[in-house]
N, C-alpha and C. Protein backbone atom coordinates (compact mmCIF):
# COMPACT_ATOMS: atom_id res chain seq x y z
N MET A 1 10.23 -10.84 15.37
CA MET A 1 9.18 -10.74 14.33
C MET A 1 7.80 -10.14 14.98
N ALA A 2 7.20 -9.06 14.35
CA ALA A 2 5.97 -8.62 14.87
C ALA A 2 4.92 -9.67 14.57
N LYS A 3 3.80 -9.51 15.26
CA LYS A 3 2.80 -10.44 15.17
C LYS A 3 2.05 -10.26 13.89
N LYS A 4 1.53 -11.31 13.29
CA LYS A 4 0.90 -11.10 12.06
C LYS A 4 -0.28 -10.18 12.08
N ARG A 5 -1.00 -10.14 13.26
CA ARG A 5 -2.11 -9.32 13.41
C ARG A 5 -1.71 -7.87 13.35
N ASP A 6 -0.49 -7.54 14.14
CA ASP A 6 -0.01 -6.20 14.13
C ASP A 6 0.32 -5.87 12.87
N LEU A 7 1.07 -6.70 12.00
CA LEU A 7 1.40 -6.39 10.62
C LEU A 7 0.27 -6.05 9.72
N LYS A 8 -0.79 -6.84 9.92
CA LYS A 8 -2.02 -6.55 9.01
C LYS A 8 -2.63 -5.25 9.33
N GLN A 9 -2.74 -4.96 10.71
CA GLN A 9 -3.32 -3.73 11.13
C GLN A 9 -2.59 -2.43 10.49
N THR A 10 -1.18 -2.54 10.67
CA THR A 10 -0.33 -1.51 10.03
C THR A 10 -0.51 -1.31 8.59
N ILE A 11 -0.66 -2.43 7.86
CA ILE A 11 -0.80 -2.34 6.47
C ILE A 11 -2.24 -1.79 6.09
N ASN A 12 -3.25 -2.22 6.80
CA ASN A 12 -4.52 -1.52 6.77
C ASN A 12 -4.57 0.04 7.01
N TYR A 13 -3.86 0.27 8.04
CA TYR A 13 -3.83 1.72 8.58
C TYR A 13 -3.07 2.68 7.48
N VAL A 14 -1.91 2.16 6.99
CA VAL A 14 -1.31 3.00 6.00
C VAL A 14 -1.94 3.03 4.72
N CYS A 15 -2.66 1.84 4.18
CA CYS A 15 -3.37 2.06 3.08
C CYS A 15 -4.69 2.94 3.08
N SER A 16 -5.10 2.87 4.33
CA SER A 16 -6.39 3.81 4.46
C SER A 16 -6.05 5.20 4.49
N ASP A 17 -4.92 5.49 5.08
CA ASP A 17 -4.45 6.97 5.04
C ASP A 17 -3.89 7.46 3.69
N LEU A 18 -3.29 6.40 2.97
CA LEU A 18 -3.00 6.76 1.46
C LEU A 18 -4.40 6.97 0.55
N PHE A 19 -5.27 6.08 0.88
CA PHE A 19 -6.55 6.37 0.18
C PHE A 19 -7.15 7.70 0.46
N ALA A 20 -7.20 8.02 1.74
CA ALA A 20 -7.79 9.34 2.10
C ALA A 20 -6.98 10.39 1.39
N GLU A 21 -5.61 10.45 1.48
CA GLU A 21 -4.88 11.40 0.83
C GLU A 21 -5.00 11.40 -0.62
N GLY A 22 -5.20 10.21 -1.29
CA GLY A 22 -5.52 10.23 -2.78
C GLY A 22 -6.96 11.06 -3.16
N VAL A 23 -7.89 10.81 -2.20
CA VAL A 23 -9.11 11.26 -2.53
C VAL A 23 -8.94 12.79 -2.24
N ALA A 24 -8.28 13.21 -1.20
CA ALA A 24 -8.08 14.67 -1.00
C ALA A 24 -7.34 15.38 -2.11
N ALA A 25 -6.33 14.73 -2.68
CA ALA A 25 -5.58 15.33 -3.77
C ALA A 25 -6.40 15.33 -5.01
N SER A 26 -7.27 14.39 -5.33
CA SER A 26 -8.07 14.42 -6.38
C SER A 26 -9.18 15.61 -6.36
N LEU A 27 -9.68 15.78 -5.07
CA LEU A 27 -10.67 16.98 -4.66
C LEU A 27 -10.04 18.31 -4.80
N TYR A 28 -8.99 18.45 -4.08
CA TYR A 28 -8.38 19.81 -3.94
C TYR A 28 -7.08 19.99 -4.99
N GLY A 29 -6.64 19.04 -5.69
CA GLY A 29 -5.67 19.27 -6.57
C GLY A 29 -6.11 20.07 -7.81
N THR A 30 -4.94 20.40 -8.62
CA THR A 30 -5.15 21.26 -9.83
C THR A 30 -5.50 20.51 -10.97
N ALA A 31 -5.00 19.25 -11.10
CA ALA A 31 -5.25 18.39 -12.26
C ALA A 31 -6.57 17.58 -12.23
N ASN A 32 -7.36 17.63 -13.21
CA ASN A 32 -8.63 16.97 -13.17
C ASN A 32 -8.53 15.78 -14.02
N ASN A 33 -7.79 14.82 -13.70
CA ASN A 33 -7.62 13.56 -14.54
C ASN A 33 -8.30 12.45 -13.75
N GLU A 34 -9.58 12.23 -14.04
CA GLU A 34 -10.31 11.18 -13.23
C GLU A 34 -9.82 9.90 -13.39
N GLU A 35 -9.46 9.46 -14.60
CA GLU A 35 -8.80 8.15 -14.96
C GLU A 35 -7.57 7.77 -14.07
N ALA A 36 -6.70 8.76 -13.90
CA ALA A 36 -5.53 8.64 -13.16
C ALA A 36 -5.90 8.45 -11.68
N VAL A 37 -6.76 9.24 -11.24
CA VAL A 37 -7.34 9.05 -9.84
C VAL A 37 -7.87 7.79 -9.57
N ASN A 38 -8.73 7.29 -10.51
CA ASN A 38 -9.30 5.96 -10.23
C ASN A 38 -8.29 4.88 -10.26
N ASN A 39 -7.37 5.09 -11.16
CA ASN A 39 -6.25 4.01 -11.20
C ASN A 39 -5.40 3.96 -9.90
N LEU A 40 -5.20 5.26 -9.37
CA LEU A 40 -4.37 5.36 -8.17
C LEU A 40 -5.09 4.71 -6.95
N LEU A 41 -6.44 5.05 -6.85
CA LEU A 41 -7.10 4.54 -5.75
C LEU A 41 -7.37 2.87 -5.90
N SER A 42 -7.54 2.39 -7.04
CA SER A 42 -7.63 0.93 -7.32
C SER A 42 -6.34 0.35 -6.95
N SER A 43 -5.20 0.98 -7.28
CA SER A 43 -3.91 0.29 -7.02
C SER A 43 -3.53 0.22 -5.49
N ILE A 44 -4.24 1.30 -4.77
CA ILE A 44 -3.95 1.26 -3.23
C ILE A 44 -4.83 0.08 -2.76
N ILE A 45 -6.02 -0.07 -3.20
CA ILE A 45 -6.78 -1.33 -2.78
C ILE A 45 -6.17 -2.73 -3.16
N VAL A 46 -5.64 -2.65 -4.24
CA VAL A 46 -5.06 -4.04 -4.68
C VAL A 46 -3.80 -4.21 -3.85
N THR A 47 -2.90 -3.12 -3.64
CA THR A 47 -1.80 -3.33 -2.91
C THR A 47 -2.17 -3.80 -1.36
N ARG A 48 -3.29 -3.15 -0.84
CA ARG A 48 -3.55 -3.64 0.55
C ARG A 48 -4.07 -5.12 0.55
N ASN A 49 -4.87 -5.47 -0.47
CA ASN A 49 -5.25 -6.98 -0.54
C ASN A 49 -4.07 -7.84 -0.65
N ASP A 50 -3.21 -7.39 -1.62
CA ASP A 50 -1.99 -8.33 -1.87
C ASP A 50 -1.16 -8.55 -0.72
N PHE A 51 -0.94 -7.59 0.01
CA PHE A 51 -0.02 -7.46 1.17
C PHE A 51 -0.51 -8.19 2.34
N VAL A 52 -1.74 -8.06 2.71
CA VAL A 52 -2.59 -8.68 3.75
C VAL A 52 -2.50 -10.33 3.46
N LYS A 53 -2.83 -10.51 2.16
CA LYS A 53 -2.77 -12.05 1.77
C LYS A 53 -1.41 -12.63 1.95
N ARG A 54 -0.46 -11.86 1.55
CA ARG A 54 0.99 -12.29 1.71
C ARG A 54 1.46 -12.51 3.10
N VAL A 55 0.82 -11.76 4.05
CA VAL A 55 1.09 -11.94 5.51
C VAL A 55 0.67 -13.27 5.98
N SER A 56 -0.54 -13.60 5.58
CA SER A 56 -1.04 -14.93 5.97
C SER A 56 -0.43 -16.11 5.39
N HIS A 57 0.09 -15.97 4.22
CA HIS A 57 0.50 -17.07 3.45
C HIS A 57 2.10 -16.97 3.06
N PRO A 58 3.01 -17.24 4.03
CA PRO A 58 4.43 -17.07 3.64
C PRO A 58 4.89 -18.13 2.57
N GLU A 59 5.86 -17.70 1.81
CA GLU A 59 6.47 -18.57 0.80
C GLU A 59 7.17 -19.84 1.37
N PRO A 60 7.05 -21.00 0.90
CA PRO A 60 7.89 -22.11 1.45
C PRO A 60 9.24 -22.10 1.05
N GLY A 61 10.10 -22.58 1.83
CA GLY A 61 11.65 -22.48 1.47
C GLY A 61 12.29 -21.33 2.07
N MET A 62 11.58 -20.35 2.54
CA MET A 62 12.32 -19.15 3.28
C MET A 62 12.01 -19.12 4.71
N THR A 63 12.96 -18.79 5.53
CA THR A 63 12.80 -18.65 6.84
C THR A 63 11.67 -17.44 7.17
N ALA A 64 11.02 -17.66 8.20
CA ALA A 64 9.91 -16.52 8.63
C ALA A 64 10.56 -15.26 8.72
N HIS A 65 11.73 -15.06 9.28
CA HIS A 65 12.29 -13.83 9.48
C HIS A 65 12.74 -13.23 8.23
N GLU A 66 13.33 -13.96 7.38
CA GLU A 66 13.69 -13.49 6.00
C GLU A 66 12.54 -13.07 5.09
N TYR A 67 11.46 -13.92 5.31
CA TYR A 67 10.39 -13.65 4.48
C TYR A 67 9.52 -12.39 4.87
N TYR A 68 9.48 -12.22 6.12
CA TYR A 68 8.68 -10.91 6.51
C TYR A 68 9.63 -9.67 6.49
N ARG A 69 10.80 -9.79 6.55
CA ARG A 69 11.81 -8.66 6.21
C ARG A 69 11.56 -8.30 4.75
N GLN A 70 11.66 -9.27 3.94
CA GLN A 70 11.46 -8.99 2.32
C GLN A 70 10.00 -8.37 2.17
N LEU A 71 8.95 -9.00 2.89
CA LEU A 71 7.68 -8.45 2.77
C LEU A 71 7.53 -6.82 3.12
N ILE A 72 8.14 -6.53 4.33
CA ILE A 72 8.08 -5.26 4.72
C ILE A 72 8.86 -4.28 3.71
N SER A 73 9.94 -4.68 3.28
CA SER A 73 10.77 -3.97 2.30
C SER A 73 9.87 -3.76 0.98
N ASP A 74 9.30 -4.82 0.49
CA ASP A 74 8.52 -4.68 -0.75
C ASP A 74 7.38 -3.65 -0.52
N PHE A 75 6.67 -3.86 0.73
CA PHE A 75 5.52 -3.00 1.05
C PHE A 75 6.04 -1.44 1.12
N ASN A 76 7.09 -1.20 1.63
CA ASN A 76 7.63 0.28 1.74
C ASN A 76 8.04 0.66 0.44
N GLN A 77 8.48 -0.23 -0.50
CA GLN A 77 8.87 0.38 -1.84
C GLN A 77 7.55 0.67 -2.59
N ARG A 78 6.45 -0.22 -2.47
CA ARG A 78 5.28 0.03 -3.24
C ARG A 78 4.65 1.26 -2.57
N ILE A 79 4.61 1.58 -1.35
CA ILE A 79 4.07 2.68 -0.69
C ILE A 79 4.81 3.96 -1.17
N ASN A 80 5.99 3.92 -1.30
CA ASN A 80 6.74 5.06 -1.79
C ASN A 80 6.41 5.49 -3.15
N GLU A 81 6.19 4.38 -4.13
CA GLU A 81 5.67 4.66 -5.45
C GLU A 81 4.27 5.33 -5.36
N ILE A 82 3.53 4.82 -4.54
CA ILE A 82 1.99 5.36 -4.52
C ILE A 82 2.10 6.81 -4.02
N ILE A 83 3.00 7.08 -3.11
CA ILE A 83 3.12 8.48 -2.60
C ILE A 83 3.72 9.46 -3.73
N ASP A 84 4.60 8.95 -4.50
CA ASP A 84 5.01 9.72 -5.74
C ASP A 84 3.92 9.88 -6.54
N GLN A 85 2.92 9.05 -6.95
CA GLN A 85 1.88 9.27 -7.70
C GLN A 85 0.85 10.25 -7.20
N ILE A 86 0.62 10.22 -5.85
CA ILE A 86 -0.17 11.09 -5.18
C ILE A 86 0.28 12.50 -5.26
N GLY A 87 1.65 12.61 -5.28
CA GLY A 87 2.24 13.88 -5.39
C GLY A 87 2.15 14.58 -6.82
N THR A 88 2.01 13.67 -7.88
CA THR A 88 1.80 14.20 -9.13
C THR A 88 0.41 14.69 -9.37
N LEU A 89 -0.53 14.08 -8.56
CA LEU A 89 -1.92 14.55 -8.66
C LEU A 89 -2.15 15.95 -8.05
N ALA A 90 -1.44 16.26 -7.10
CA ALA A 90 -1.68 17.39 -6.30
C ALA A 90 -1.05 18.76 -7.03
């Protein structure tokens, strides 16, 4: 298992890159839907906060290995959804 600190840094790095991509897509994209952009950017921030908190507080009853494997899987799934949303903005 990776260190919690490394996992948190990776989550921060990925979310900050996605936020930058979302801002770039809103500035240089063809669609001018400000509400959709604001919802997308706020969902990135909420996702980051949620997953960083989940790293610090594992669920009781699950082994650590199983919990963090599920956490990473959930994070990857959520990031893929956000990437698809960014693609629709551009």
